[in-house]
C-alpha atoms as a PDB file:
ATOM      1  CA  MET A   1      22.059 -28.631   3.548  1.00  0.00           C
ATOM      2  CA  ALA A   2      19.768 -26.250   3.438  1.00  0.00           C
ATOM      3  CA  CYS A   3      15.636 -27.936   3.332  1.00  0.00           C
ATOM      4  CA  LEU A   4      12.916 -26.662   2.336  1.00  0.00           C
ATOM      5  CA  ARG A   5       9.519 -28.433   2.267  1.00  0.00           C
ATOM      6  CA  LEU A   6       6.457 -26.681  -0.136  1.00  0.00           C
ATOM      7  CA  ALA A   7       3.293 -25.392   0.563  1.00  0.00           C
ATOM      8  CA  HIS A   8       0.461 -26.658  -1.390  1.00  0.00           C
ATOM      9  CA  LEU A   9      -1.329 -23.530  -2.433  1.00  0.00           C
ATOM     10  CA  ARG A  10      -3.660 -21.724   0.126  1.00  0.00           C
ATOM     11  CA  ASN A  11      -1.218 -22.892   2.512  1.00  0.00           C
ATOM     12  CA  ALA A  12       0.108 -21.112   5.595  1.00  0.00           C
ATOM     13  CA  LEU A  13       3.170 -19.758   6.992  1.00  0.00           C
ATOM     14  CA  VAL A  14       4.941 -19.316   9.987  1.00  0.00           C
ATOM     15  CA  GLU A  15       8.311 -18.970  11.020  1.00  0.00           C
ATOM     16  CA  VAL A  16       9.865 -19.751  13.845  1.00  0.00           C
ATOM     17  CA  ASP A  17      13.401 -20.359  16.015  1.00  0.00           C
ATOM     18  CA  THR A  18      14.328 -24.016  16.050  1.00  0.00           C
ATOM     19  CA  PHE A  19      14.615 -24.059  20.589  1.00  0.00           C
ATOM     20  CA  GLU A  20      15.272 -26.904  23.244  1.00  0.00           C
ATOM     21  CA  GLY A  21      12.227 -28.402  25.362  1.00  0.00           C
ATOM     22  CA  GLY A  22       9.278 -25.822  25.371  1.00  0.00           C
ATOM     23  CA  VAL A  23       5.957 -25.074  27.554  1.00  0.00           C
ATOM     24  CA  PRO A  24       2.529 -25.427  26.617  1.00  0.00           C
ATOM     25  CA  LEU A  25       0.610 -22.445  26.039  1.00  0.00           C
ATOM     26  CA  SER A  26      -3.656 -22.149  25.673  1.00  0.00           C
ATOM     27  CA  ASN A  27      -4.168 -19.524  23.538  1.00  0.00           C
ATOM     28  CA  PRO A  28      -4.708 -20.397  20.514  1.00  0.00           C
ATOM     29  CA  ARG A  29      -3.674 -18.225  17.655  1.00  0.00           C
ATOM     30  CA  LEU A  30      -2.531 -20.233  14.813  1.00  0.00           C
ATOM     31  CA  ARG A  31      -3.061 -22.276  11.890  1.00  0.00           C
ATOM     32  CA  GLN A  32      -2.253 -25.907  11.970  1.00  0.00           C
ATOM     33  CA  PRO A  33       1.068 -26.514  10.350  1.00  0.00           C
ATOM     34  CA  SER A  34       1.472 -28.807   7.837  1.00  0.00           C
ATOM     35  CA  ALA A  35       3.437 -27.579   5.035  1.00  0.00           C
ATOM     36  CA  LEU A  36       6.545 -25.753   5.156  1.00  0.00           C
ATOM     37  CA  ILE A  37       9.403 -26.034   6.765  1.00  0.00           C
ATOM     38  CA  LEU A  38      12.543 -23.727   5.510  1.00  0.00           C
ATOM     39  CA  SER A  39      16.053 -24.891   7.303  1.00  0.00           C
ATOM     40  CA  VAL A  40      19.117 -24.558   7.270  1.00  0.00           C
ATOM     41  CA  SER A  41      19.004 -27.421   9.767  1.00  0.00           C
ATOM     42  CA  ASN A  42      17.540 -30.496  10.016  1.00  0.00           C
ATOM     43  CA  VAL A  43      14.671 -30.418  13.319  1.00  0.00           C
ATOM     44  CA  GLN A  44      13.729 -33.424  15.286  1.00  0.00           C
ATOM     45  CA  THR A  45      10.849 -33.552  17.288  1.00  0.00           C
ATOM     46  CA  THR A  46      10.517 -35.957  20.374  1.00  0.00           C
ATOM     47  CA  HIS A  47       6.588 -36.075  22.301  1.00  0.00           C
ATOM     48  CA  GLY A  48       5.927 -32.675  20.623  1.00  0.00           C
ATOM     49  CA  ASN A  49       9.064 -31.213  21.612  1.00  0.00           C
ATOM     50  CA  TYR A  50      12.047 -29.665  19.249  1.00  0.00           C
ATOM     51  CA  LYS A  51      15.504 -30.244  19.991  1.00  0.00           C
ATOM     52  CA  LYS A  52      17.617 -27.738  19.204  1.00  0.00           C
ATOM     53  CA  LYS A  53      20.815 -28.802  16.700  1.00  0.00           C
ATOM     54  CA  SER A  54      21.518 -25.236  15.426  1.00  0.00           C
ATOM     55  CA  VAL A  55      20.734 -21.669  15.778  1.00  0.00           C
ATOM     56  CA  THR A  56      19.443 -21.173  12.782  1.00  0.00           C
ATOM     57  CA  THR A  57      15.757 -20.049  11.301  1.00  0.00           C
ATOM     58  CA  THR A  58      12.848 -22.554  10.864  1.00  0.00           C
ATOM     59  CA  CYS A  59       9.449 -21.255   8.844  1.00  0.00           C
ATOM     60  CA  LEU A  60       6.791 -24.024   9.240  1.00  0.00           C
ATOM     61  CA  VAL A  61       3.529 -23.761   6.815  1.00  0.00           C
ATOM     62  CA  GLY A  62       0.531 -23.841   8.323  1.00  0.00           C
ATOM     63  CA  ARG A  63      -3.039 -25.673   6.662  1.00  0.00           C
ATOM     64  CA  ASN A  64      -4.925 -23.118   5.212  1.00  0.00           C
ATOM     65  CA  GLY A  65      -8.593 -21.998   7.090  1.00  0.00           C
ATOM     66  CA  THR A  66      -7.597 -24.527  10.888  1.00  0.00           C
ATOM     67  CA  ARG A  67      -6.853 -23.139  14.272  1.00  0.00           C
ATOM     68  CA  HIS A  68      -4.070 -24.484  15.971  1.00  0.00           C
ATOM     69  CA  PRO A  69      -2.524 -23.240  19.251  1.00  0.00           C
ATOM     70  CA  TRP A  70       0.709 -22.315  19.697  1.00  0.00           C
ATOM     71  CA  LYS A  71       1.505 -25.602  21.221  1.00  0.00           C
ATOM     72  CA  PHE A  72       5.338 -24.193  22.669  1.00  0.00           C
ATOM     73  CA  GLN A  73       6.885 -21.269  24.107  1.00  0.00           C
ATOM     74  CA  CYS A  74      11.164 -19.741  24.016  1.00  0.00           C
ATOM     75  CA  SER A  75      11.382 -15.973  25.474  1.00  0.00           C
ATOM     76  CA  SER A  76       8.052 -15.403  25.058  1.00  0.00           C
ATOM     77  CA  LYS A  77       7.959 -16.582  21.656  1.00  0.00           C
ATOM     78  CA  PRO A  78       5.515 -19.331  19.691  1.00  0.00           C
ATOM     79  CA  TYR A  79       5.902 -22.550  18.117  1.00  0.00           C
ATOM     80  CA  LEU A  80       4.851 -24.709  15.914  1.00  0.00           C
ATOM     81  CA  GLU A  81       4.727 -29.059  15.101  1.00  0.00           C
ATOM     82  CA  PRO A  82       5.653 -29.966  11.810  1.00  0.00           C
ATOM     83  CA  GLN A  83       3.593 -32.159  10.283  1.00  0.00           C
ATOM     84  CA  GLN A  84       4.619 -35.283   7.854  1.00  0.00           C
ATOM     85  CA  ASP A  85       2.650 -34.745   4.286  1.00  0.00           C
ATOM     86  CA  VAL A  86       4.711 -32.135   2.528  1.00  0.00           C
ATOM     87  CA  GLU A  87       6.883 -32.211  -0.343  1.00  0.00           C
ATOM     88  CA  VAL A  88      10.547 -31.841   0.410  1.00  0.00           C
ATOM     89  CA  LEU A  89      12.544 -30.408  -1.511  1.00  0.00           C
ATOM     90  CA  GLN A  90      16.647 -29.716  -0.879  1.00  0.00           C
ATOM     91  CA  ALA A  91      19.088 -27.330  -0.964  1.00  0.00           C
ATOM     92  CA  ARG A  92      23.378 -26.693   0.247  1.00  0.00           C
ATOM     93  CA  THR A  93      22.294 -22.830   0.647  1.00  0.00           C
ATOM     94  CA  MET A  94      19.599 -20.243   1.356  1.00  0.00           C
ATOM     95  CA  GLU A  95      19.880 -18.597  -1.574  1.00  0.00           C
ATOM     96  CA  GLU A  96      19.223 -21.937  -3.625  1.00  0.00           C
ATOM     97  CA  ILE A  97      15.887 -21.855  -1.560  1.00  0.00           C
ATOM     98  CA  TYR A  98      15.141 -18.283  -2.529  1.00  0.00           C
ATOM     99  CA  ASP A  99      16.040 -19.239  -6.009  1.00  0.00           C
ATOM    100  CA  ILE A 100      13.161 -22.110  -5.662  1.00  0.00           C
ATOM    101  CA  LEU A 101      10.467 -19.901  -4.368  1.00  0.00           C
ATOM    102  CA  ALA A 102      11.476 -17.331  -6.834  1.00  0.00           C
ATOM    103  CA  LYS A 103      10.968 -20.168 -10.013  1.00  0.00           C
ATOM    104  CA  ARG A 104       7.939 -21.024  -8.159  1.00  0.00           C
ATOM    105  CA  LEU A 105       5.877 -17.755  -8.203  1.00  0.00           C
ATOM    106  CA  LEU A 106       7.800 -17.215 -12.055  1.00  0.00           C
ATOM    107  CA  LEU A 107       4.774 -19.937 -12.926  1.00  0.00           C
ATOM    108  CA  SER A 108       2.483 -18.081 -11.250  1.00  0.00           C
ATOM    109  CA  ALA A 109       2.882 -14.531 -12.660  1.00  0.00           C
ATOM    110  CA  MET A 110       3.149 -17.002 -16.321  1.00  0.00           C
ATOM    111  CA  SER A 111      -0.087 -18.201 -15.349  1.00  0.00           C
ATOM    112  CA  ILE A 112      -2.418 -15.032 -14.649  1.00  0.00           C
ATOM    113  CA  ALA A 113      -3.739 -12.455 -16.785  1.00  0.00           C
ATOM    114  CA  ASP A 114      -1.695  -9.162 -17.286  1.00  0.00           C
ATOM    115  CA  SER A 115      -3.685  -6.704 -14.570  1.00  0.00           C
ATOM    116  CA  SER A 116      -3.646  -9.935 -12.487  1.00  0.00           C
ATOM    117  CA  LYS A 117      -2.833  -9.965  -8.713  1.00  0.00           C
ATOM    118  CA  TYR A 118      -1.097 -13.406  -6.968  1.00  0.00           C
ATOM    119  CA  VAL A 119      -1.168 -12.043  -3.392  1.00  0.00           C
ATOM    120  CA  VAL A 120       1.165 -14.269  -1.113  1.00  0.00           C
ATOM    121  CA  GLY A 121       0.734 -14.338   2.637  1.00  0.00           C
ATOM    122  CA  MET A 122       3.939 -14.193   4.772  1.00  0.00           C
ATOM    123  CA  ALA A 123       3.790 -14.338   8.864  1.00  0.00           C
ATOM    124  CA  GLY A 124       6.040 -15.216  11.557  1.00  0.00           C
ATOM    125  CA  PRO A 125       7.330 -13.346  13.961  1.00  0.00           C
ATOM    126  CA  PRO A 126      10.158 -10.433  14.495  1.00  0.00           C
ATOM    127  CA  GLY A 127      13.122 -11.416  13.636  1.00  0.00           C
ATOM    128  CA  ALA A 128      12.181 -14.748  11.845  1.00  0.00           C
ATOM    129  CA  GLY A 129      13.243 -13.497   8.203  1.00  0.00           C
ATOM    130  CA  LYS A 130      10.650 -12.151   6.839  1.00  0.00           C
ATOM    131  CA  SER A 131      12.032  -9.565   4.935  1.00  0.00           C
ATOM    132  CA  THR A 132      15.094 -11.106   4.488  1.00  0.00           C
ATOM    133  CA  VAL A 133      13.163 -13.530   2.188  1.00  0.00           C
ATOM    134  CA  ALA A 134      10.582 -11.604   0.677  1.00  0.00           C
ATOM    135  CA  LYS A 135      13.912  -9.181  -0.872  1.00  0.00           C
ATOM    136  CA  ALA A 136      15.004 -12.219  -1.921  1.00  0.00           C
ATOM    137  CA  VAL A 137      12.926 -13.845  -3.500  1.00  0.00           C
ATOM    138  CA  VAL A 138      11.192 -10.155  -5.387  1.00  0.00           C
ATOM    139  CA  GLU A 139      14.315  -9.577  -6.532  1.00  0.00           C
ATOM    140  CA  ARG A 140      15.534 -12.876  -7.619  1.00  0.00           C
ATOM    141  CA  LEU A 141      11.906 -13.244  -9.561  1.00  0.00           C
ATOM    142  CA  ASN A 142      12.116  -9.917 -11.273  1.00  0.00           C
ATOM    143  CA  ALA A 143      14.753 -10.876 -12.758  1.00  0.00           C
ATOM    144  CA  LEU A 144      13.494 -14.161 -13.560  1.00  0.00           C
ATOM    145  CA  TRP A 145      11.451 -12.344 -15.518  1.00  0.00           C
ATOM    146  CA  ILE A 146      12.855  -9.808 -17.719  1.00  0.00           C
ATOM    147  CA  GLN A 147      15.192 -12.829 -18.488  1.00  0.00           C
ATOM    148  CA  SER A 148      12.455 -14.745 -19.455  1.00  0.00           C
ATOM    149  CA  SER A 149      10.459 -11.645 -21.404  1.00  0.00           C
ATOM    150  CA  SER A 150      10.838 -10.467 -25.578  1.00  0.00           C
ATOM    151  CA  PHE A 151      13.525  -7.891 -24.223  1.00  0.00           C
ATOM    152  CA  THR A 152      15.947  -7.242 -26.678  1.00  0.00           C
ATOM    153  CA  ASP A 153      19.506  -8.260 -24.808  1.00  0.00           C
ATOM    154  CA  LEU A 154      20.210  -4.165 -24.986  1.00  0.00           C
ATOM    155  CA  GLU A 155      16.567  -3.701 -22.978  1.00  0.00           C
ATOM    156  CA  ARG A 156      17.510  -6.531 -20.227  1.00  0.00           C
ATOM    157  CA  ASN A 157      20.974  -4.314 -19.737  1.00  0.00           C
ATOM    158  CA  ASN A 158      19.257  -1.374 -19.391  1.00  0.00           C
ATOM    159  CA  VAL A 159      16.359  -1.658 -17.108  1.00  0.00           C
ATOM    160  CA  LYS A 160      17.427   0.155 -14.288  1.00  0.00           C
ATOM    161  CA  ASP A 161      13.705   1.993 -12.753  1.00  0.00           C
ATOM    162  CA  HIS A 162      11.866  -1.184 -11.996  1.00  0.00           C
ATOM    163  CA  SER A 163       8.782  -0.302 -14.699  1.00  0.00           C
ATOM    164  CA  LYS A 164       9.457  -3.994 -15.931  1.00  0.00           C
ATOM    165  CA  ASP A 165       9.535  -5.498 -12.269  1.00  0.00           C
ATOM    166  CA  ILE A 166       6.024  -7.970 -11.695  1.00  0.00           C
ATOM    167  CA  ALA A 167       6.682  -8.089  -7.831  1.00  0.00           C
ATOM    168  CA  ILE A 168       7.276  -6.051  -4.658  1.00  0.00           C
ATOM    169  CA  ALA A 169       7.160  -6.603  -1.123  1.00  0.00           C
ATOM    170  CA  LEU A 170       4.205  -4.665   0.254  1.00  0.00           C
ATOM    171  CA  PRO A 171       5.481  -4.770   4.925  1.00  0.00           C
ATOM    172  CA  MET A 172       2.417  -5.322   7.247  1.00  0.00           C
ATOM    173  CA  ASP A 173       4.178  -2.915   9.368  1.00  0.00           C
ATOM    174  CA  GLY A 174       2.668   0.459   7.359  1.00  0.00           C
ATOM    175  CA  PHE A 175      -0.369  -0.248   9.227  1.00  0.00           C
ATOM    176  CA  HIS A 176       1.000   0.346  12.918  1.00  0.00           C
ATOM    177  CA  LEU A 177      -1.430   2.664  14.387  1.00  0.00           C
ATOM    178  CA  TYR A 178       0.366   6.140  14.616  1.00  0.00           C
ATOM    179  CA  ARG A 179       1.080   7.178  17.890  1.00  0.00           C
ATOM    180  CA  LYS A 180      -0.994  10.146  18.555  1.00  0.00           C
ATOM    181  CA  GLN A 181      -3.529   6.893  18.208  1.00  0.00           C
ATOM    182  CA  LEU A 182      -1.699   4.794  20.552  1.00  0.00           C
ATOM    183  CA  ASP A 183      -2.243   8.473  23.406  1.00  0.00           C
ATOM    184  CA  MET A 184      -5.731   8.299  23.062  1.00  0.00           C
ATOM    185  CA  MET A 185      -5.928   4.462  23.990  1.00  0.00           C
ATOM    186  CA  LYS A 186      -7.536   3.878  27.878  1.00  0.00           C
ATOM    187  CA  ASP A 187      -3.829   3.340  29.003  1.00  0.00           C
ATOM    188  CA  PRO A 188      -1.262   5.210  26.502  1.00  0.00           C
ATOM    189  CA  VAL A 189       2.327   4.148  28.571  1.00  0.00           C
ATOM    190  CA  GLU A 190       1.068   0.744  28.315  1.00  0.00           C
ATOM    191  CA  ALA A 191       0.394   1.666  24.573  1.00  0.00           C
ATOM    192  CA  HIS A 192       3.396   2.491  23.745  1.00  0.00           C
ATOM    193  CA  ALA A 193       5.138   0.208  26.317  1.00  0.00           C
ATOM    194  CA  ARG A 194       3.297  -2.894  23.620  1.00  0.00           C
ATOM    195  CA  ARG A 195       3.936  -1.344  20.403  1.00  0.00           C
ATOM    196  CA  GLY A 196       4.048  -4.440  17.685  1.00  0.00           C
ATOM    197  CA  ALA A 197       1.109  -6.027  19.015  1.00  0.00           C
ATOM    198  CA  PRO A 198      -1.650  -7.230  17.442  1.00  0.00           C
ATOM    199  CA  TRP A 199      -3.817  -4.649  18.848  1.00  0.00           C
ATOM    200  CA  THR A 200      -1.621  -1.582  18.200  1.00  0.00           C
ATOM    201  CA  PHE A 201      -2.045  -2.419  14.862  1.00  0.00           C
ATOM    202  CA  ASP A 202      -4.586  -1.572  12.229  1.00  0.00           C
ATOM    203  CA  PRO A 203      -5.768  -4.801  10.667  1.00  0.00           C
ATOM    204  CA  ASP A 204      -9.095  -3.168   9.249  1.00  0.00           C
ATOM    205  CA  GLY A 205      -6.436  -0.941   7.210  1.00  0.00           C
ATOM    206  CA  LEU A 206      -4.286  -3.612   5.994  1.00  0.00           C
ATOM    207  CA  ILE A 207      -7.969  -5.864   4.638  1.00  0.00           C
ATOM    208  CA  LYS A 208      -9.180  -3.188   3.407  1.00  0.00           C
ATOM    209  CA  CYS A 209      -5.755  -1.977   0.819  1.00  0.00           C
ATOM    210  CA  LEU A 210      -5.862  -5.321  -0.601  1.00  0.00           C
ATOM    211  CA  GLN A 211      -9.262  -5.131  -0.816  1.00  0.00           C
ATOM    212  CA  LEU A 212      -8.483  -2.478  -3.201  1.00  0.00           C
ATOM    213  CA  LEU A 213      -5.388  -4.182  -5.110  1.00  0.00           C
ATOM    214  CA  ARG A 214      -8.124  -7.152  -6.019  1.00  0.00           C
ATOM    215  CA  ALA A 215     -10.649  -4.971  -7.145  1.00  0.00           C
ATOM    216  CA  GLN A 216      -8.396  -2.220  -9.173  1.00  0.00           C
ATOM    217  CA  GLY A 217      -5.630  -3.610  -9.867  1.00  0.00           C
ATOM    218  CA  TRP A 218      -3.201  -1.031  -8.225  1.00  0.00           C
ATOM    219  CA  VAL A 219      -2.576   0.119  -4.411  1.00  0.00           C
ATOM    220  CA  GLN A 220      -0.683   2.697  -2.336  1.00  0.00           C
ATOM    221  CA  ALA A 221       0.126   1.602   0.380  1.00  0.00           C
ATOM    222  CA  PRO A 222       1.914   2.671   4.001  1.00  0.00           C
ATOM    223  CA  SER A 223       5.521   2.066   4.586  1.00  0.00           C
ATOM    224  CA  PHE A 224       7.001   2.356   8.101  1.00  0.00           C
ATOM    225  CA  ASP A 225       9.121   5.578   8.940  1.00  0.00           C
ATOM    226  CA  HIS A 226      11.213   4.137  12.009  1.00  0.00           C
ATOM    227  CA  GLY A 227      12.917   7.751  11.811  1.00  0.00           C
ATOM    228  CA  VAL A 228      10.066   8.892  13.113  1.00  0.00           C
ATOM    229  CA  GLY A 229       8.366   6.095  14.154  1.00  0.00           C
ATOM    230  CA  ASP A 230       4.804   6.162  12.618  1.00  0.00           C
ATOM    231  CA  PRO A 231       4.032   5.003   9.339  1.00  0.00           C
ATOM    232  CA  LYS A 232       4.016   7.260   6.019  1.00  0.00           C
ATOM    233  CA  GLU A 233       1.365   7.727   3.871  1.00  0.00           C
ATOM    234  CA  ASN A 234       0.971   6.120   0.364  1.00  0.00           C
ATOM    235  CA  ASP A 235       4.953   5.297   0.372  1.00  0.00           C
ATOM    236  CA  ILE A 236       4.807   2.473  -1.411  1.00  0.00           C
ATOM    237  CA  ILE A 237       3.372   1.814  -4.996  1.00  0.00           C
ATOM    238  CA  VAL A 238       1.785  -1.824  -6.260  1.00  0.00           C
ATOM    239  CA  THR A 239       1.145  -1.078  -9.969  1.00  0.00           C
ATOM    240  CA  TYR A 240      -0.811  -2.234 -12.595  1.00  0.00           C
ATOM    241  CA  SER A 241       2.417  -4.218 -13.652  1.00  0.00           C
ATOM    242  CA  HIS A 242       2.669  -6.352  -9.948  1.00  0.00           C
ATOM    243  CA  ARG A 243       1.338  -9.680 -10.887  1.00  0.00           C
ATOM    244  CA  ILE A 244       2.916 -10.902  -7.644  1.00  0.00           C
ATOM    245  CA  VAL A 245       2.510  -9.115  -4.100  1.00  0.00           C
ATOM    246  CA  LEU A 246       4.313 -10.570  -1.436  1.00  0.00           C
ATOM    247  CA  VAL A 247       2.220  -9.324   2.104  1.00  0.00           C
ATOM    248  CA  GLU A 248       4.957 -10.151   5.019  1.00  0.00           C
ATOM    249  CA  GLY A 249       4.277  -9.261   8.459  1.00  0.00           C
ATOM    250  CA  ASN A 250       3.652 -10.634  12.299  1.00  0.00           C
ATOM    251  CA  TYR A 251      -0.282 -11.367  12.576  1.00  0.00           C
ATOM    252  CA  LEU A 252      -1.027 -12.366   8.848  1.00  0.00           C
ATOM    253  CA  LEU A 253      -2.248 -15.395  10.395  1.00  0.00           C
ATOM    254  CA  LEU A 254      -4.274 -14.748  13.519  1.00  0.00           C
ATOM    255  CA  ALA A 255      -7.208 -16.273  14.070  1.00  0.00           C
ATOM    256  CA  ASP A 256      -8.848 -13.765  16.024  1.00  0.00           C
ATOM    257  CA  GLU A 257     -11.730 -12.442  14.321  1.00  0.00           C
ATOM    258  CA  LYS A 258     -10.402  -8.563  13.240  1.00  0.00           C
ATOM    259  CA  TRP A 259      -7.529 -10.498  11.115  1.00  0.00           C
ATOM    260  CA  ARG A 260      -9.597 -13.515   9.769  1.00  0.00           C
ATOM    261  CA  ALA A 261     -10.777 -11.673   6.111  1.00  0.00           C
ATOM    262  CA  LEU A 262      -6.995 -12.072   5.155  1.00  0.00           C
ATOM    263  CA  GLU A 263      -7.847 -15.980   4.407  1.00  0.00           C
ATOM    264  CA  ASN A 264      -9.608 -14.686   1.594  1.00  0.00           C
ATOM    265  CA  ILE A 265      -7.300 -12.788   0.006  1.00  0.00           C
ATOM    266  CA  PHE A 266      -4.273 -14.768   0.123  1.00  0.00           C
ATOM    267  CA  ASP A 267      -3.639 -16.969  -2.945  1.00  0.00           C
ATOM    268  CA  GLU A 268      -0.560 -18.405  -1.088  1.00  0.00           C
ATOM    269  CA  ARG A 269       0.241 -18.507   2.392  1.00  0.00           C
ATOM    270  CA  TRP A 270       3.830 -18.994   3.688  1.00  0.00           C
END
């Protein structure tokens, strides 16, 4: 049975894997988790330690603006302790979870002006399922919008060019530093070896991109070309018609100074 603990608006999300045991960390990075757990298994806590009940992924949501250390570490990944003051929804499958999230965002899309943007930030470590969740929710949300809008049956059947989409995913991957920028660092070998660490991204570029989106209602953002190994400029186009923008990435909720400006950009954090 899948379980979702829904976040209140402007809360924050961190995705983690269930694990057994833990090692305390002293480096504060993330906010206090409190509002969302996305899981296909139950997670037990005993005196601050997680007990593994399956090998599936668990997502935790943190409280907006509250710093919190990564409490536990397993295989070099951060893990957070959930709180109890949350709304709980249950479903039998992850597909039902995606449906719940899409329907929630549909209400947000309907409540804002045509050219406005409702920006969701979803953060978590590599491999936690951010891209999978974002893709599934965006697809469902766009389908729900077509069904709920005043299109004829023929128009609904012929929508293939995504011109009617109101939701789009915007990965943080496009804001990797270029390889040539890593080459110019003090230790290029280490920079390339540790590519993917927070300091190998361009948070200022991401923040400016999202601020521009807020200001003008559209933006061209970079994607990441895995074949080339570098960002691809202006590859993602967020248009006036997109009402929901789901930004996903590893470090959207970091408490570091360079990333803190993101706090005021997101309407909702997962």
